[in-house]
Amino acid sequence: MKKALIVIAVLMLGLGGYLSYDWHTKTSKRAAEPSIPQYSWTDGQGVRHFTDRPPPKGATNIEETKGYRYIDPPLVYTIKDKAVEYYKQIKDKLFKPQKKKRRKK
């Protein structure tokens, strides 16, 4: 019995450590991620390109906009969102309003 509790405790601590590490790395990346330039341009053959690198020489219709690189949300947020979604589904199934039946006199 003690061995099982120790294994469960170690697994829970490991999971908690991983979740905190994941949250820390992804939130610090989001905070430190500067806006990156995004370019759109047309080449000599008339094909439109969208890149994060500057266009080559000879490109026409060059447009530069600022954007942000996509970073996945931390796993903690994903777990929380799924838990809220399942809670709402269960709540709707268990507590949906029932129509009262009328008795005939």
PDB file of N, CA and C in Angstrom:
ATOM      1  N   MET A   1       0.827  -1.194   0.000  1.00  0.00           N
ATOM      2  CA  MET A   1       0.000   0.000   0.000  1.00  0.00           C
ATOM      3  C   MET A   1       0.871   1.256   0.000  1.00  0.00           C
ATOM      4  N   LYS A   2       1.948   1.233   0.808  1.00  0.00           N
ATOM      5  CA  LYS A   2       2.825   2.398   0.873  1.00  0.00           C
ATOM      6  C   LYS A   2       3.532   2.630  -0.457  1.00  0.00           C
ATOM      7  N   LYS A   3       3.904   1.541  -1.127  1.00  0.00           N
ATOM      8  CA  LYS A   3       4.590   1.677  -2.409  1.00  0.00           C
ATOM      9  C   LYS A   3       3.677   2.338  -3.435  1.00  0.00           C
ATOM     10  N   ALA A   4       2.419   1.948  -3.442  1.00  0.00           N
ATOM     11  CA  ALA A   4       1.467   2.536  -4.392  1.00  0.00           C
ATOM     12  C   ALA A   4       1.296   4.026  -4.114  1.00  0.00           C
ATOM     13  N   LEU A   5       1.204   4.407  -2.860  1.00  0.00           N
ATOM     14  CA  LEU A   5       1.066   5.825  -2.514  1.00  0.00           C
ATOM     15  C   LEU A   5       2.310   6.611  -2.900  1.00  0.00           C
ATOM     16  N   ILE A   6       3.475   6.007  -2.719  1.00  0.00           N
ATOM     17  CA  ILE A   6       4.718   6.684  -3.098  1.00  0.00           C
ATOM     18  C   ILE A   6       4.779   6.871  -4.607  1.00  0.00           C
ATOM     19  N   VAL A   7       4.395   5.850  -5.364  1.00  0.00           N
ATOM     20  CA  VAL A   7       4.393   5.949  -6.825  1.00  0.00           C
ATOM     21  C   VAL A   7       3.411   7.023  -7.280  1.00  0.00           C
ATOM     22  N   ILE A   8       2.230   7.044  -6.691  1.00  0.00           N
ATOM     23  CA  ILE A   8       1.232   8.054  -7.047  1.00  0.00           C
ATOM     24  C   ILE A   8       1.733   9.457  -6.708  1.00  0.00           C
ATOM     25  N   ALA A   9       2.367   9.606  -5.541  1.00  0.00           N
ATOM     26  CA  ALA A   9       2.901  10.912  -5.142  1.00  0.00           C
ATOM     27  C   ALA A   9       3.994  11.375  -6.099  1.00  0.00           C
ATOM     28  N   VAL A  10       4.881  10.461  -6.486  1.00  0.00           N
ATOM     29  CA  VAL A  10       5.955  10.814  -7.420  1.00  0.00           C
ATOM     30  C   VAL A  10       5.374  11.212  -8.772  1.00  0.00           C
ATOM     31  N   LEU A  11       4.384  10.472  -9.260  1.00  0.00           N
ATOM     32  CA  LEU A  11       3.743  10.813 -10.532  1.00  0.00           C
ATOM     33  C   LEU A  11       3.060  12.175 -10.467  1.00  0.00           C
ATOM     34  N   MET A  12       2.378  12.452  -9.365  1.00  0.00           N
ATOM     35  CA  MET A  12       1.701  13.742  -9.224  1.00  0.00           C
ATOM     36  C   MET A  12       2.715  14.886  -9.165  1.00  0.00           C
ATOM     37  N   LEU A  13       3.804  14.694  -8.446  1.00  0.00           N
ATOM     38  CA  LEU A  13       4.842  15.729  -8.393  1.00  0.00           C
ATOM     39  C   LEU A  13       5.489  15.925  -9.761  1.00  0.00           C
ATOM     40  N   GLY A  14       5.716  14.846 -10.467  1.00  0.00           N
ATOM     41  CA  GLY A  14       6.284  14.950 -11.812  1.00  0.00           C
ATOM     42  C   GLY A  14       5.356  15.677 -12.766  1.00  0.00           C
ATOM     43  N   LEU A  15       4.070  15.356 -12.709  1.00  0.00           N
ATOM     44  CA  LEU A  15       3.088  16.033 -13.558  1.00  0.00           C
ATOM     45  C   LEU A  15       2.992  17.510 -13.198  1.00  0.00           C
ATOM     46  N   GLY A  16       2.967  17.811 -11.927  1.00  0.00           N
ATOM     47  CA  GLY A  16       2.929  19.215 -11.495  1.00  0.00           C
ATOM     48  C   GLY A  16       4.167  19.974 -11.926  1.00  0.00           C
ATOM     49  N   GLY A  17       5.320  19.327 -11.836  1.00  0.00           N
ATOM     50  CA  GLY A  17       6.558  19.959 -12.282  1.00  0.00           C
ATOM     51  C   GLY A  17       6.552  20.222 -13.774  1.00  0.00           C
ATOM     52  N   TYR A  18       6.075  19.235 -14.542  1.00  0.00           N
ATOM     53  CA  TYR A  18       6.019  19.425 -15.997  1.00  0.00           C
ATOM     54  C   TYR A  18       5.056  20.545 -16.364  1.00  0.00           C
ATOM     55  N   LEU A  19       3.881  20.578 -15.739  1.00  0.00           N
ATOM     56  CA  LEU A  19       2.902  21.623 -16.048  1.00  0.00           C
ATOM     57  C   LEU A  19       3.436  23.012 -15.698  1.00  0.00           C
ATOM     58  N   SER A  20       4.140  23.123 -14.580  1.00  0.00           N
ATOM     59  CA  SER A  20       4.686  24.439 -14.219  1.00  0.00           C
ATOM     60  C   SER A  20       5.819  24.833 -15.165  1.00  0.00           C
ATOM     61  N   TYR A  21       6.642  23.868 -15.579  1.00  0.00           N
ATOM     62  CA  TYR A  21       7.705  24.158 -16.542  1.00  0.00           C
ATOM     63  C   TYR A  21       7.112  24.594 -17.881  1.00  0.00           C
ATOM     64  N   ASP A  22       6.107  23.877 -18.345  1.00  0.00           N
ATOM     65  CA  ASP A  22       5.451  24.204 -19.615  1.00  0.00           C
ATOM     66  C   ASP A  22       4.831  25.596 -19.551  1.00  0.00           C
ATOM     67  N   TRP A  23       4.139  25.902 -18.458  1.00  0.00           N
ATOM     68  CA  TRP A  23       3.518  27.211 -18.304  1.00  0.00           C
ATOM     69  C   TRP A  23       4.577  28.309 -18.306  1.00  0.00           C
ATOM     70  N   HIS A  24       5.659  28.095 -17.570  1.00  0.00           N
ATOM     71  CA  HIS A  24       6.713  29.110 -17.472  1.00  0.00           C
ATOM     72  C   HIS A  24       7.372  29.372 -18.827  1.00  0.00           C
ATOM     73  N   THR A  25       7.744  28.307 -19.541  1.00  0.00           N
ATOM     74  CA  THR A  25       8.446  28.497 -20.811  1.00  0.00           C
ATOM     75  C   THR A  25       7.548  29.157 -21.853  1.00  0.00           C
ATOM     76  N   LYS A  26       6.301  28.739 -21.942  1.00  0.00           N
ATOM     77  CA  LYS A  26       5.426  29.294 -22.981  1.00  0.00           C
ATOM     78  C   LYS A  26       4.991  30.719 -22.667  1.00  0.00           C
ATOM     79  N   THR A  27       4.759  31.041 -21.399  1.00  0.00           N
ATOM     80  CA  THR A  27       4.382  32.418 -21.082  1.00  0.00           C
ATOM     81  C   THR A  27       5.576  33.357 -21.199  1.00  0.00           C
ATOM     82  N   SER A  28       6.769  32.882 -20.869  1.00  0.00           N
ATOM     83  CA  SER A  28       7.931  33.760 -21.032  1.00  0.00           C
ATOM     84  C   SER A  28       8.255  33.948 -22.508  1.00  0.00           C
ATOM     85  N   LYS A  29       8.016  32.934 -23.346  1.00  0.00           N
ATOM     86  CA  LYS A  29       8.217  33.101 -24.785  1.00  0.00           C
ATOM     87  C   LYS A  29       7.239  34.120 -25.353  1.00  0.00           C
ATOM     88  N   ARG A  30       5.987  34.075 -24.875  1.00  0.00           N
ATOM     89  CA  ARG A  30       4.992  35.036 -25.362  1.00  0.00           C
ATOM     90  C   ARG A  30       5.365  36.458 -24.958  1.00  0.00           C
ATOM     91  N   ALA A  31       5.858  36.608 -23.754  1.00  0.00           N
ATOM     92  CA  ALA A  31       6.207  37.948 -23.287  1.00  0.00           C
ATOM     93  C   ALA A  31       7.445  38.473 -24.009  1.00  0.00           C
ATOM     94  N   ALA A  32       8.383  37.576 -24.309  1.00  0.00           N
ATOM     95  CA  ALA A  32       9.630  38.004 -24.928  1.00  0.00           C
ATOM     96  C   ALA A  32       9.555  38.033 -26.454  1.00  0.00           C
ATOM     97  N   GLU A  33       8.516  37.476 -27.035  1.00  0.00           N
ATOM     98  CA  GLU A  33       8.418  37.395 -28.490  1.00  0.00           C
ATOM     99  C   GLU A  33       8.099  38.762 -29.077  1.00  0.00           C
ATOM    100  N   PRO A  34       9.045  39.371 -29.748  1.00  0.00           N
ATOM    101  CA  PRO A  34       8.758  40.666 -30.365  1.00  0.00           C
ATOM    102  C   PRO A  34       7.930  40.470 -31.630  1.00  0.00           C
ATOM    103  N   SER A  35       7.353  41.545 -32.087  1.00  0.00           N
ATOM    104  CA  SER A  35       6.602  41.430 -33.332  1.00  0.00           C
ATOM    105  C   SER A  35       7.589  41.182 -34.465  1.00  0.00           C
ATOM    106  N   ILE A  36       7.183  40.349 -35.393  1.00  0.00           N
ATOM    107  CA  ILE A  36       8.055  40.026 -36.518  1.00  0.00           C
ATOM    108  C   ILE A  36       7.457  40.620 -37.791  1.00  0.00           C
ATOM    109  N   PRO A  37       8.304  41.056 -38.697  1.00  0.00           N
ATOM    110  CA  PRO A  37       7.762  41.596 -39.945  1.00  0.00           C
ATOM    111  C   PRO A  37       7.278  40.474 -40.854  1.00  0.00           C
ATOM    112  N   GLN A  38       6.178  40.710 -41.526  1.00  0.00           N
ATOM    113  CA  GLN A  38       5.652  39.772 -42.511  1.00  0.00           C
ATOM    114  C   GLN A  38       5.582  40.505 -43.839  1.00  0.00           C
ATOM    115  N   TYR A  39       6.095  39.853 -44.859  1.00  0.00           N
ATOM    116  CA  TYR A  39       6.171  40.472 -46.173  1.00  0.00           C
ATOM    117  C   TYR A  39       5.242  39.767 -47.144  1.00  0.00           C
ATOM    118  N   SER A  40       4.635  40.545 -48.007  1.00  0.00           N
ATOM    119  CA  SER A  40       3.920  39.980 -49.147  1.00  0.00           C
ATOM    120  C   SER A  40       4.464  40.682 -50.383  1.00  0.00           C
ATOM    121  N   TRP A  41       4.690  39.898 -51.425  1.00  0.00           N
ATOM    122  CA  TRP A  41       5.287  40.451 -52.628  1.00  0.00           C
ATOM    123  C   TRP A  41       4.929  39.588 -53.828  1.00  0.00           C
ATOM    124  N   THR A  42       5.107  40.142 -55.009  1.00  0.00           N
ATOM    125  CA  THR A  42       4.816  39.444 -56.253  1.00  0.00           C
ATOM    126  C   THR A  42       6.122  39.242 -57.012  1.00  0.00           C
ATOM    127  N   ASP A  43       6.323  38.010 -57.491  1.00  0.00           N
ATOM    128  CA  ASP A  43       7.553  37.750 -58.248  1.00  0.00           C
ATOM    129  C   ASP A  43       7.358  38.099 -59.727  1.00  0.00           C
ATOM    130  N   GLY A  44       8.366  37.834 -60.541  1.00  0.00           N
ATOM    131  CA  GLY A  44       8.335  38.182 -61.953  1.00  0.00           C
ATOM    132  C   GLY A  44       7.299  37.413 -62.750  1.00  0.00           C
ATOM    133  N   GLN A  45       6.846  36.257 -62.237  1.00  0.00           N
ATOM    134  CA  GLN A  45       5.850  35.452 -62.936  1.00  0.00           C
ATOM    135  C   GLN A  45       4.429  35.780 -62.498  1.00  0.00           C
ATOM    136  N   GLY A  46       4.284  36.724 -61.606  1.00  0.00           N
ATOM    137  CA  GLY A  46       2.959  37.136 -61.145  1.00  0.00           C
ATOM    138  C   GLY A  46       2.416  36.347 -59.969  1.00  0.00           C
ATOM    139  N   VAL A  47       3.247  35.534 -59.320  1.00  0.00           N
ATOM    140  CA  VAL A  47       2.822  34.726 -58.168  1.00  0.00           C
ATOM    141  C   VAL A  47       3.007  35.541 -56.900  1.00  0.00           C
ATOM    142  N   ARG A  48       1.976  35.571 -56.052  1.00  0.00           N
ATOM    143  CA  ARG A  48       1.996  36.316 -54.794  1.00  0.00           C
ATOM    144  C   ARG A  48       2.598  35.444 -53.705  1.00  0.00           C
ATOM    145  N   HIS A  49       3.546  35.975 -52.930  1.00  0.00           N
ATOM    146  CA  HIS A  49       4.219  35.237 -51.864  1.00  0.00           C
ATOM    147  C   HIS A  49       3.989  35.945 -50.529  1.00  0.00           C
ATOM    148  N   PHE A  50       3.890  35.142 -49.458  1.00  0.00           N
ATOM    149  CA  PHE A  50       3.757  35.653 -48.093  1.00  0.00           C
ATOM    150  C   PHE A  50       4.825  34.976 -47.249  1.00  0.00           C
ATOM    151  N   THR A  51       5.779  35.748 -46.715  1.00  0.00           N
ATOM    152  CA  THR A  51       6.882  35.185 -45.949  1.00  0.00           C
ATOM    153  C   THR A  51       7.227  36.094 -44.776  1.00  0.00           C
ATOM    154  N   ASP A  52       8.102  35.579 -43.922  1.00  0.00           N
ATOM    155  CA  ASP A  52       8.633  36.406 -42.839  1.00  0.00           C
ATOM    156  C   ASP A  52      10.061  36.846 -43.152  1.00  0.00           C
ATOM    157  N   ARG A  53      10.523  36.578 -44.357  1.00  0.00           N
ATOM    158  CA  ARG A  53      11.855  37.005 -44.813  1.00  0.00           C
ATOM    159  C   ARG A  53      11.700  38.108 -45.849  1.00  0.00           C
ATOM    160  N   PRO A  54      12.643  38.999 -45.924  1.00  0.00           N
ATOM    161  CA  PRO A  54      12.556  40.072 -46.921  1.00  0.00           C
ATOM    162  C   PRO A  54      12.504  39.502 -48.339  1.00  0.00           C
ATOM    163  N   PRO A  55      11.764  40.154 -49.214  1.00  0.00           N
ATOM    164  CA  PRO A  55      11.647  39.646 -50.586  1.00  0.00           C
ATOM    165  C   PRO A  55      12.960  39.803 -51.354  1.00  0.00           C
ATOM    166  N   PRO A  56      13.154  38.996 -52.394  1.00  0.00           N
ATOM    167  CA  PRO A  56      14.378  39.111 -53.190  1.00  0.00           C
ATOM    168  C   PRO A  56      14.339  40.348 -54.079  1.00  0.00           C
ATOM    169  N   LYS A  57      15.468  40.654 -54.665  1.00  0.00           N
ATOM    170  CA  LYS A  57      15.525  41.797 -55.576  1.00  0.00           C
ATOM    171  C   LYS A  57      14.667  41.490 -56.794  1.00  0.00           C
ATOM    172  N   GLY A  58      14.017  42.509 -57.303  1.00  0.00           N
ATOM    173  CA  GLY A  58      13.160  42.343 -58.465  1.00  0.00           C
ATOM    174  C   GLY A  58      11.713  42.055 -58.115  1.00  0.00           C
ATOM    175  N   ALA A  59      11.387  41.942 -56.831  1.00  0.00           N
ATOM    176  CA  ALA A  59      10.008  41.706 -56.420  1.00  0.00           C
ATOM    177  C   ALA A  59       9.210  42.999 -56.527  1.00  0.00           C
ATOM    178  N   THR A  60       7.936  42.882 -56.824  1.00  0.00           N
ATOM    179  CA  THR A  60       7.071  44.057 -56.938  1.00  0.00           C
ATOM    180  C   THR A  60       5.926  43.947 -55.939  1.00  0.00           C
ATOM    181  N   ASN A  61       5.202  45.019 -55.766  1.00  0.00           N
ATOM    182  CA  ASN A  61       4.052  45.083 -54.838  1.00  0.00           C
ATOM    183  C   ASN A  61       4.442  44.602 -53.436  1.00  0.00           C
ATOM    184  N   ILE A  62       5.520  45.123 -52.906  1.00  0.00           N
ATOM    185  CA  ILE A  62       6.021  44.700 -51.598  1.00  0.00           C
ATOM    186  C   ILE A  62       5.220  45.396 -50.503  1.00  0.00           C
ATOM    187  N   GLU A  63       4.698  44.595 -49.571  1.00  0.00           N
ATOM    188  CA  GLU A  63       3.978  45.116 -48.409  1.00  0.00           C
ATOM    189  C   GLU A  63       4.592  44.500 -47.156  1.00  0.00           C
ATOM    190  N   GLU A  64       4.808  45.325 -46.139  1.00  0.00           N
ATOM    191  CA  GLU A  64       5.358  44.837 -44.883  1.00  0.00           C
ATOM    192  C   GLU A  64       4.367  45.134 -43.765  1.00  0.00           C
ATOM    193  N   THR A  65       4.022  44.120 -43.004  1.00  0.00           N
ATOM    194  CA  THR A  65       3.137  44.282 -41.853  1.00  0.00           C
ATOM    195  C   THR A  65       3.801  43.644 -40.640  1.00  0.00           C
ATOM    196  N   LYS A  66       3.356  44.051 -39.459  1.00  0.00           N
ATOM    197  CA  LYS A  66       3.886  43.474 -38.228  1.00  0.00           C
ATOM    198  C   LYS A  66       2.953  42.363 -37.772  1.00  0.00           C
ATOM    199  N   GLY A  67       3.515  41.279 -37.328  1.00  0.00           N
ATOM    200  CA  GLY A  67       2.732  40.160 -36.843  1.00  0.00           C
ATOM    201  C   GLY A  67       3.439  39.478 -35.698  1.00  0.00           C
ATOM    202  N   TYR A  68       2.807  38.460 -35.154  1.00  0.00           N
ATOM    203  CA  TYR A  68       3.379  37.709 -34.042  1.00  0.00           C
ATOM    204  C   TYR A  68       3.421  36.232 -34.411  1.00  0.00           C
ATOM    205  N   ARG A  69       4.486  35.586 -34.030  1.00  0.00           N
ATOM    206  CA  ARG A  69       4.622  34.165 -34.271  1.00  0.00           C
ATOM    207  C   ARG A  69       3.684  33.420 -33.318  1.00  0.00           C
ATOM    208  N   TYR A  70       3.029  32.367 -33.820  1.00  0.00           N
ATOM    209  CA  TYR A  70       2.094  31.605 -32.997  1.00  0.00           C
ATOM    210  C   TYR A  70       2.854  30.733 -32.004  1.00  0.00           C
ATOM    211  N   ILE A  71       2.449  30.809 -30.765  1.00  0.00           N
ATOM    212  CA  ILE A  71       2.999  29.959 -29.706  1.00  0.00           C
ATOM    213  C   ILE A  71       1.821  29.252 -29.062  1.00  0.00           C
ATOM    214  N   ASP A  72       1.899  27.933 -28.953  1.00  0.00           N
ATOM    215  CA  ASP A  72       0.825  27.156 -28.337  1.00  0.00           C
ATOM    216  C   ASP A  72       0.555  27.653 -26.919  1.00  0.00           C
ATOM    217  N   PRO A  73      -0.709  27.633 -26.492  1.00  0.00           N
ATOM    218  CA  PRO A  73      -0.985  27.993 -25.103  1.00  0.00           C
ATOM    219  C   PRO A  73      -0.444  26.907 -24.168  1.00  0.00           C
ATOM    220  N   PRO A  74      -0.144  27.255 -22.929  1.00  0.00           N
ATOM    221  CA  PRO A  74       0.338  26.246 -21.981  1.00  0.00           C
ATOM    222  C   PRO A  74      -0.683  25.128 -21.790  1.00  0.00           C
ATOM    223  N   LEU A  75      -0.201  23.945 -21.486  1.00  0.00           N
ATOM    224  CA  LEU A  75      -1.050  22.772 -21.318  1.00  0.00           C
ATOM    225  C   LEU A  75      -2.057  22.968 -20.191  1.00  0.00           C
ATOM    226  N   VAL A  76      -1.707  23.749 -19.186  1.00  0.00           N
ATOM    227  CA  VAL A  76      -2.618  24.014 -18.074  1.00  0.00           C
ATOM    228  C   VAL A  76      -3.892  24.678 -18.590  1.00  0.00           C
ATOM    229  N   TYR A  77      -3.754  25.628 -19.511  1.00  0.00           N
ATOM    230  CA  TYR A  77      -4.932  26.304 -20.069  1.00  0.00           C
ATOM    231  C   TYR A  77      -5.784  25.338 -20.875  1.00  0.00           C
ATOM    232  N   THR A  78      -5.139  24.456 -21.619  1.00  0.00           N
ATOM    233  CA  THR A  78      -5.879  23.478 -22.417  1.00  0.00           C
ATOM    234  C   THR A  78      -6.657  22.537 -21.514  1.00  0.00           C
ATOM    235  N   ILE A  79      -6.025  22.067 -20.446  1.00  0.00           N
ATOM    236  CA  ILE A  79      -6.701  21.171 -19.502  1.00  0.00           C
ATOM    237  C   ILE A  79      -7.873  21.894 -18.844  1.00  0.00           C
ATOM    238  N   LYS A  80      -7.668  23.155 -18.451  1.00  0.00           N
ATOM    239  CA  LYS A  80      -8.736  23.923 -17.809  1.00  0.00           C
ATOM    240  C   LYS A  80      -9.916  24.100 -18.769  1.00  0.00           C
ATOM    241  N   ASP A  81      -9.631  24.449 -20.018  1.00  0.00           N
ATOM    242  CA  ASP A  81     -10.705  24.654 -20.985  1.00  0.00           C
ATOM    243  C   ASP A  81     -11.501  23.369 -21.230  1.00  0.00           C
ATOM    244  N   LYS A  82     -10.812  22.233 -21.323  1.00  0.00           N
ATOM    245  CA  LYS A  82     -11.495  20.946 -21.516  1.00  0.00           C
ATOM    246  C   LYS A  82     -12.345  20.605 -20.298  1.00  0.00           C
ATOM    247  N   ALA A  83     -11.815  20.856 -19.095  1.00  0.00           N
ATOM    248  CA  ALA A  83     -12.566  20.560 -17.879  1.00  0.00           C
ATOM    249  C   ALA A  83     -13.831  21.410 -17.808  1.00  0.00           C
ATOM    250  N   VAL A  84     -13.735  22.687 -18.165  1.00  0.00           N
ATOM    251  CA  VAL A  84     -14.913  23.562 -18.159  1.00  0.00           C
ATOM    252  C   VAL A  84     -15.924  23.087 -19.190  1.00  0.00           C
ATOM    253  N   GLU A  85     -15.444  22.679 -20.360  1.00  0.00           N
ATOM    254  CA  GLU A  85     -16.343  22.195 -21.411  1.00  0.00           C
ATOM    255  C   GLU A  85     -17.090  20.939 -20.963  1.00  0.00           C
ATOM    256  N   TYR A  86     -16.375  19.973 -20.356  1.00  0.00           N
ATOM    257  CA  TYR A  86     -17.023  18.751 -19.868  1.00  0.00           C
ATOM    258  C   TYR A  86     -17.975  19.054 -18.725  1.00  0.00           C
ATOM    259  N   TYR A  87     -17.618  19.980 -17.855  1.00  0.00           N
ATOM    260  CA  TYR A  87     -18.499  20.357 -16.755  1.00  0.00           C
ATOM    261  C   TYR A  87     -19.821  20.905 -17.285  1.00  0.00           C
ATOM    262  N   LYS A  88     -19.737  21.776 -18.303  1.00  0.00           N
ATOM    263  CA  LYS A  88     -20.961  22.347 -18.871  1.00  0.00           C
ATOM    264  C   LYS A  88     -21.815  21.280 -19.526  1.00  0.00           C
ATOM    265  N   GLN A  89     -21.188  20.317 -20.203  1.00  0.00           N
ATOM    266  CA  GLN A  89     -21.949  19.244 -20.842  1.00  0.00           C
ATOM    267  C   GLN A  89     -22.665  18.398 -19.791  1.00  0.00           C
ATOM    268  N   ILE A  90     -21.960  18.045 -18.739  1.00  0.00           N
ATOM    269  CA  ILE A  90     -22.565  17.227 -17.679  1.00  0.00           C
ATOM    270  C   ILE A  90     -23.662  18.004 -16.970  1.00  0.00           C
ATOM    271  N   LYS A  91     -23.418  19.272 -16.706  1.00  0.00           N
ATOM    272  CA  LYS A  91     -24.415  20.109 -16.046  1.00  0.00           C
ATOM    273  C   LYS A  91     -25.680  20.203 -16.893  1.00  0.00           C
ATOM    274  N   ASP A  92     -25.510  20.384 -18.208  1.00  0.00           N
ATOM    275  CA  ASP A  92     -26.676  20.473 -19.085  1.00  0.00           C
ATOM    276  C   ASP A  92     -27.453  19.160 -19.119  1.00  0.00           C
ATOM    277  N   LYS A  93     -26.763  18.025 -19.089  1.00  0.00           N
ATOM    278  CA  LYS A  93     -27.443  16.729 -19.118  1.00  0.00           C
ATOM    279  C   LYS A  93     -28.170  16.445 -17.811  1.00  0.00           C
ATOM    280  N   LEU A  94     -27.539  16.777 -16.688  1.00  0.00           N
ATOM    281  CA  LEU A  94     -28.123  16.458 -15.388  1.00  0.00           C
ATOM    282  C   LEU A  94     -29.216  17.429 -14.965  1.00  0.00           C
ATOM    283  N   PHE A  95     -29.046  18.692 -15.287  1.00  0.00           N
ATOM    284  CA  PHE A  95     -29.950  19.703 -14.765  1.00  0.00           C
ATOM    285  C   PHE A  95     -30.770  20.399 -15.828  1.00  0.00           C
ATOM    286  N   LYS A  96     -31.011  19.733 -16.948  1.00  0.00           N
ATOM    287  CA  LYS A  96     -31.821  20.393 -17.965  1.00  0.00           C
ATOM    288  C   LYS A  96     -33.254  20.482 -17.460  1.00  0.00           C
ATOM    289  N   PRO A  97     -33.910  21.596 -17.765  1.00  0.00           N
ATOM    290  CA  PRO A  97     -35.274  21.777 -17.258  1.00  0.00           C
ATOM    291  C   PRO A  97     -36.224  20.740 -17.845  1.00  0.00           C
ATOM    292  N   GLN A  98     -37.026  20.199 -16.972  1.00  0.00           N
ATOM    293  CA  GLN A  98     -37.991  19.200 -17.409  1.00  0.00           C
ATOM    294  C   GLN A  98     -39.375  19.834 -17.437  1.00  0.00           C
ATOM    295  N   LYS A  99     -40.133  19.440 -18.433  1.00  0.00           N
ATOM    296  CA  LYS A  99     -41.497  19.951 -18.536  1.00  0.00           C
ATOM    297  C   LYS A  99     -42.368  19.232 -17.522  1.00  0.00           C
ATOM    298  N   LYS A 100     -43.184  20.018 -16.865  1.00  0.00           N
ATOM    299  CA  LYS A 100     -44.097  19.414 -15.885  1.00  0.00           C
ATOM    300  C   LYS A 100     -45.282  18.822 -16.620  1.00  0.00           C
ATOM    301  N   LYS A 101     -45.653  17.641 -16.199  1.00  0.00           N
ATOM    302  CA  LYS A 101     -46.793  16.984 -16.815  1.00  0.00           C
ATOM    303  C   LYS A 101     -48.069  17.475 -16.151  1.00  0.00           C
ATOM    304  N   ARG A 102     -49.043  17.757 -16.968  1.00  0.00           N
ATOM    305  CA  ARG A 102     -50.345  18.179 -16.435  1.00  0.00           C
ATOM    306  C   ARG A 102     -51.196  16.950 -16.160  1.00  0.00           C
ATOM    307  N   ARG A 103     -51.849  17.014 -15.065  1.00  0.00           N
ATOM    308  CA  ARG A 103     -52.758  15.925 -14.708  1.00  0.00           C
ATOM    309  C   ARG A 103     -54.137  16.234 -15.224  1.00  0.00           C
ATOM    310  N   LYS A 104     -54.775  15.254 -15.732  1.00  0.00           N
ATOM    311  CA  LYS A 104     -56.165  15.418 -16.169  1.00  0.00           C
ATOM    312  C   LYS A 104     -57.084  15.247 -14.976  1.00  0.00           C
ATOM    313  N   LYS A 105     -58.088  16.090 -14.946  1.00  0.00           N
ATOM    314  CA  LYS A 105     -59.026  16.018 -13.832  1.00  0.00           C
ATOM    315  C   LYS A 105     -60.240  15.214 -14.200  1.00  0.00           C
TER     316      LYS A 105
END
